[in-house]
């Protein structure tokens, strides 16, 4: 039996998460001023050095705005937030995205991967096709193994769709996918659970057929349809 490493949150992390929770729950509202660092030290019994570092981190995440005269003020994280802000939102929801967050993420996926599919369908090389075919061959080999390793299949699907972005020629698309990697991996695992492994691999092959045929609009519309099917299935589960 292997238990693995057990990591204990630091005081800084605990303090950050506490303030994040207060902000995300609405207990602390946009424009509210936080107590001074000295007051926070007296209340929490945490050193000013740790409090200062935590507040600076929360400012980087877009939760706070810190100025010399006003001190720390709750910021509008929808305007100032980063990927770390999104991670905090998901963490507060037990590691899951809300329906609104899921829809927002899928809209972002259509914008990023849809553009990549169009670009690659319009202009691709034999090497691009061979690269995607090789990844699909690996998914077929994985499907033949019993029991199915869903995590391994999700990883291959992530690599396949990132490969589409890489081969599209846009330098930012694959970097954005890498930034969203934890969320995307959860998406693939859920998609495998909802529709089955074979259906997900079949859809990946359909994208390749459309790319090979140069059908840019067909590939884009197929992505839109698959996203809508995914969201509809989630909505049915919630009812």
Protein backbone atom coordinates (compact mmCIF):
# COMPACT_ATOMS: atom_id res chain seq x y z
CA UNK A 1 0.00 0.00 0.00
CA UNK A 2 1.35 3.40 -1.02
CA UNK A 3 -0.21 6.45 0.62
CA UNK A 4 2.04 9.03 -0.99
CA UNK A 5 3.09 12.45 0.18
CA UNK A 6 0.65 14.35 2.41
CA UNK A 7 1.05 18.08 1.96
CA UNK A 8 -0.08 20.49 4.67
CA UNK A 9 -1.16 23.99 3.52
CA UNK A 10 1.03 26.82 4.71
CA UNK A 11 -0.34 29.69 6.82
CA UNK A 12 -0.06 31.92 3.77
CA UNK A 13 -2.16 29.51 1.67
CA UNK A 14 -4.76 29.12 4.42
CA UNK A 15 -5.05 32.89 4.83
CA UNK A 16 -5.31 33.37 1.04
CA UNK A 17 -8.01 30.73 0.70
CA UNK A 18 -9.97 32.24 3.59
CA UNK A 19 -10.01 35.65 1.95
CA UNK A 20 -10.81 34.14 -1.45
CA UNK A 21 -13.79 32.37 0.10
CA UNK A 22 -14.99 35.61 1.70
CA UNK A 23 -14.76 37.43 -1.65
CA UNK A 24 -16.25 34.69 -3.83
CA UNK A 25 -19.13 34.09 -1.42
CA UNK A 26 -20.00 37.80 -1.44
CA UNK A 27 -19.24 38.35 2.24
CA UNK A 28 -16.59 40.78 1.05
CA UNK A 29 -17.96 42.90 -1.79
CA UNK A 30 -16.26 44.89 -4.54
CA UNK A 31 -14.99 48.14 -3.04
CA UNK A 32 -14.86 46.86 0.55
CA UNK A 33 -11.68 47.80 2.38
CA UNK A 34 -9.72 45.19 4.29
CA UNK A 35 -8.32 45.92 7.75
CA UNK A 36 -4.72 47.09 7.85
CA UNK A 37 -1.94 44.52 7.90
CA UNK A 38 -1.38 45.30 11.58
CA UNK A 39 -5.05 44.69 12.38
CA UNK A 40 -5.02 41.45 10.39
CA UNK A 41 -1.93 40.36 12.30
CA UNK A 42 -3.62 40.99 15.64
CA UNK A 43 -6.79 39.17 14.57
CA UNK A 44 -5.19 36.13 12.93
CA UNK A 45 -1.95 35.84 14.97
CA UNK A 46 -0.11 35.47 11.65
CA UNK A 47 3.08 37.43 11.04
CA UNK A 48 2.89 40.64 9.01
CA UNK A 49 5.39 39.17 6.55
CA UNK A 50 3.05 36.27 5.74
CA UNK A 51 0.01 38.57 5.56
CA UNK A 52 1.82 41.00 3.27
CA UNK A 53 2.87 38.17 0.92
CA UNK A 54 -0.65 36.73 0.87
CA UNK A 55 -2.24 40.09 0.07
CA UNK A 56 0.28 40.65 -2.72
CA UNK A 57 -0.60 37.23 -4.15
CA UNK A 58 -4.32 38.02 -4.01
CA UNK A 59 -3.65 41.27 -5.84
CA UNK A 60 -1.87 39.33 -8.60
CA UNK A 61 -4.87 37.01 -8.88
CA UNK A 62 -7.16 40.01 -9.34
CA UNK A 63 -9.02 39.73 -6.03
CA UNK A 64 -7.56 42.86 -4.43
CA UNK A 65 -6.36 46.30 -5.40
CA UNK A 66 -3.65 47.65 -3.10
CA UNK A 67 -2.72 51.34 -3.03
CA UNK A 68 -0.50 53.20 -0.54
CA UNK A 69 -3.28 55.38 0.89
CA UNK A 70 -6.35 53.15 0.72
CA UNK A 71 -4.64 49.88 1.55
CA UNK A 72 -6.23 46.64 0.28
CA UNK A 73 -9.64 46.96 -1.40
CA UNK A 74 -11.70 44.14 -2.92
CA UNK A 75 -11.42 44.33 -6.71
CA UNK A 76 -13.85 43.19 -9.39
CA UNK A 77 -12.14 39.89 -10.21
CA UNK A 78 -14.18 39.48 -13.42
CA UNK A 79 -12.31 42.51 -14.76
CA UNK A 80 -8.90 41.99 -13.14
CA UNK A 81 -8.72 38.21 -12.70
CA UNK A 82 -6.38 35.65 -14.23
CA UNK A 83 -6.30 31.88 -14.64
CA UNK A 84 -5.50 31.69 -10.93
CA UNK A 85 -8.81 33.43 -10.26
CA UNK A 86 -10.61 30.78 -12.27
CA UNK A 87 -8.79 28.05 -10.35
CA UNK A 88 -9.96 29.63 -7.09
CA UNK A 89 -13.56 29.71 -8.34
CA UNK A 90 -13.41 26.04 -9.27
CA UNK A 91 -11.71 25.11 -5.99
CA UNK A 92 -14.50 26.82 -4.03
CA UNK A 93 -17.02 24.72 -5.94
CA UNK A 94 -15.38 21.49 -4.82
CA UNK A 95 -13.20 21.16 -7.92
CA UNK A 96 -16.15 21.41 -10.33
CA UNK A 97 -17.27 24.19 -12.63
CA UNK A 98 -20.73 25.68 -12.34
CA UNK A 99 -23.10 25.52 -15.34
CA UNK A 100 -22.25 29.12 -16.21
CA UNK A 101 -18.51 28.45 -15.99
CA UNK A 102 -18.86 25.31 -18.09
CA UNK A 103 -20.75 27.17 -20.80
CA UNK A 104 -18.22 30.01 -20.73
CA UNK A 105 -15.35 27.55 -21.03
CA UNK A 106 -16.99 25.72 -23.95
CA UNK A 107 -17.53 29.02 -25.74
CA UNK A 108 -13.81 29.67 -25.30
CA UNK A 109 -13.09 26.21 -26.70
CA UNK A 110 -15.13 26.92 -29.83
CA UNK A 111 -13.29 30.22 -30.31
CA UNK A 112 -9.82 28.69 -29.91
CA UNK A 113 -10.10 25.18 -31.32
CA UNK A 114 -12.70 26.16 -33.90
CA UNK A 115 -10.27 28.66 -35.38
CA UNK A 116 -7.50 26.06 -35.32
CA UNK A 117 -9.70 23.52 -37.14
CA UNK A 118 -10.52 26.06 -39.82
CA UNK A 119 -6.88 27.03 -40.32
CA UNK A 120 -5.66 23.44 -40.48
CA UNK A 121 -8.43 22.37 -42.87
CA UNK A 122 -7.60 25.25 -45.18
CA UNK A 123 -3.86 24.57 -45.15
CA UNK A 124 -2.19 21.36 -43.98
CA UNK A 125 0.71 19.16 -44.97
CA UNK A 126 1.10 15.41 -45.23
CA UNK A 127 3.16 15.60 -42.06
CA UNK A 128 0.26 17.28 -40.22
CA UNK A 129 -2.08 14.48 -41.25
CA UNK A 130 0.47 11.79 -40.34
CA UNK A 131 0.96 13.35 -36.89
CA UNK A 132 -2.77 13.24 -36.12
CA UNK A 133 -3.12 9.74 -37.60
CA UNK A 134 -0.38 8.49 -35.29
CA UNK A 135 -2.21 9.82 -32.22
CA UNK A 136 -5.45 8.22 -33.42
CA UNK A 137 -3.66 4.90 -33.88
CA UNK A 138 -2.62 5.13 -30.24
CA UNK A 139 -6.21 5.74 -29.18
CA UNK A 140 -7.29 2.65 -31.15
CA UNK A 141 -4.63 0.59 -29.40
CA UNK A 142 -5.83 1.89 -26.05
CA UNK A 143 -9.45 1.02 -26.86
CA UNK A 144 -8.39 -2.57 -27.48
CA UNK A 145 -7.07 -2.89 -23.93
CA UNK A 146 -9.43 -4.08 -21.19
CA UNK A 147 -10.20 -2.56 -18.82
CA UNK A 148 -10.00 0.83 -20.46
CA UNK A 149 -7.59 3.33 -18.94
CA UNK A 150 -9.81 6.44 -19.08
CA UNK A 151 -7.04 8.73 -17.81
CA UNK A 152 -4.69 7.58 -20.58
CA UNK A 153 -7.40 8.08 -23.21
CA UNK A 154 -8.17 11.56 -21.88
CA UNK A 155 -4.45 12.37 -22.16
CA UNK A 156 -4.34 11.19 -25.78
CA UNK A 157 -7.46 13.19 -26.67
CA UNK A 158 -5.91 16.26 -25.08
CA UNK A 159 -2.72 15.74 -27.09
CA UNK A 160 -4.72 15.20 -30.28
CA UNK A 161 -6.71 18.41 -29.94
CA UNK A 162 -3.64 20.34 -28.82
CA UNK A 163 -1.91 18.92 -31.89
CA UNK A 164 -4.61 20.46 -34.07
CA UNK A 165 -3.86 23.81 -32.44
CA UNK A 166 -0.08 23.37 -32.82
CA UNK A 167 -0.37 22.33 -36.47
CA UNK A 168 -2.74 25.22 -37.24
CA UNK A 169 0.28 27.54 -37.13
CA UNK A 170 -1.08 29.87 -34.44
CA UNK A 171 1.54 30.15 -31.70
CA UNK A 172 -0.90 31.15 -28.96
CA UNK A 173 -3.61 28.48 -29.39
CA UNK A 174 -1.59 25.56 -27.93
CA UNK A 175 -0.29 27.75 -25.09
CA UNK A 176 -3.87 28.61 -24.14
CA UNK A 177 -4.78 24.93 -24.13
CA UNK A 178 -1.80 24.18 -21.90
CA UNK A 179 -2.97 26.92 -19.53
CA UNK A 180 -6.42 25.31 -19.36
CA UNK A 181 -5.02 21.77 -19.18
CA UNK A 182 -6.49 20.74 -15.76
CA UNK A 183 -9.96 21.89 -16.83
CA UNK A 184 -9.67 20.26 -20.27
CA UNK A 185 -8.58 16.94 -18.77
CA UNK A 186 -11.67 16.93 -16.55
CA UNK A 187 -13.76 17.70 -19.62
CA UNK A 188 -12.38 14.69 -21.50
CA UNK A 189 -12.89 12.38 -18.55
CA UNK A 190 -16.50 13.51 -18.24
CA UNK A 191 -17.02 13.24 -22.00
CA UNK A 192 -15.72 9.66 -21.93
CA UNK A 193 -18.11 8.91 -19.07
CA UNK A 194 -21.11 10.53 -20.81
CA UNK A 195 -20.68 9.33 -24.39
CA UNK A 196 -18.29 6.40 -24.13
CA UNK A 197 -14.68 5.99 -25.20
CA UNK A 198 -15.48 4.77 -28.73
CA UNK A 199 -17.73 7.75 -29.48
CA UNK A 200 -15.02 10.22 -28.45
CA UNK A 201 -12.42 8.52 -30.62
CA UNK A 202 -14.89 8.33 -33.54
CA UNK A 203 -15.46 12.08 -33.26
CA UNK A 204 -11.70 12.72 -33.29
CA UNK A 205 -11.47 10.67 -36.50
CA UNK A 206 -14.34 12.69 -37.99
CA UNK A 207 -12.38 15.89 -37.41
CA UNK A 208 -9.41 14.40 -39.24
CA UNK A 209 -11.63 13.41 -42.18
CA UNK A 210 -12.90 16.99 -42.44
CA UNK A 211 -9.38 18.42 -42.15
CA UNK A 212 -8.11 16.03 -44.82
CA UNK A 213 -11.00 17.01 -47.11
CA UNK A 214 -10.28 20.72 -46.61
CA UNK A 215 -13.78 21.29 -45.20
CA UNK A 216 -13.04 24.16 -42.83
CA UNK A 217 -16.64 25.15 -42.20
CA UNK A 218 -17.71 21.52 -41.79
CA UNK A 219 -15.04 20.97 -39.12
CA UNK A 220 -16.06 24.15 -37.31
CA UNK A 221 -19.76 23.23 -37.38
CA UNK A 222 -19.00 19.71 -36.13
CA UNK A 223 -17.17 21.18 -33.14
CA UNK A 224 -20.11 23.47 -32.41
CA UNK A 225 -22.51 20.54 -32.60
CA UNK A 226 -20.41 18.35 -30.30
CA UNK A 227 -20.18 21.18 -27.74
CA UNK A 228 -23.95 21.69 -27.82
CA UNK A 229 -24.50 17.93 -27.41
CA UNK A 230 -22.17 17.91 -24.40
CA UNK A 231 -23.92 20.86 -22.76
CA UNK A 232 -27.38 19.40 -23.44
CA UNK A 233 -26.33 16.13 -21.84
CA UNK A 234 -25.07 17.96 -18.76
CA UNK A 235 -28.32 19.89 -18.51
CA UNK A 236 -30.30 16.64 -18.66
CA UNK A 237 -28.22 15.21 -15.81
CA UNK A 238 -28.93 18.24 -13.62
CA UNK A 239 -32.73 18.05 -14.15
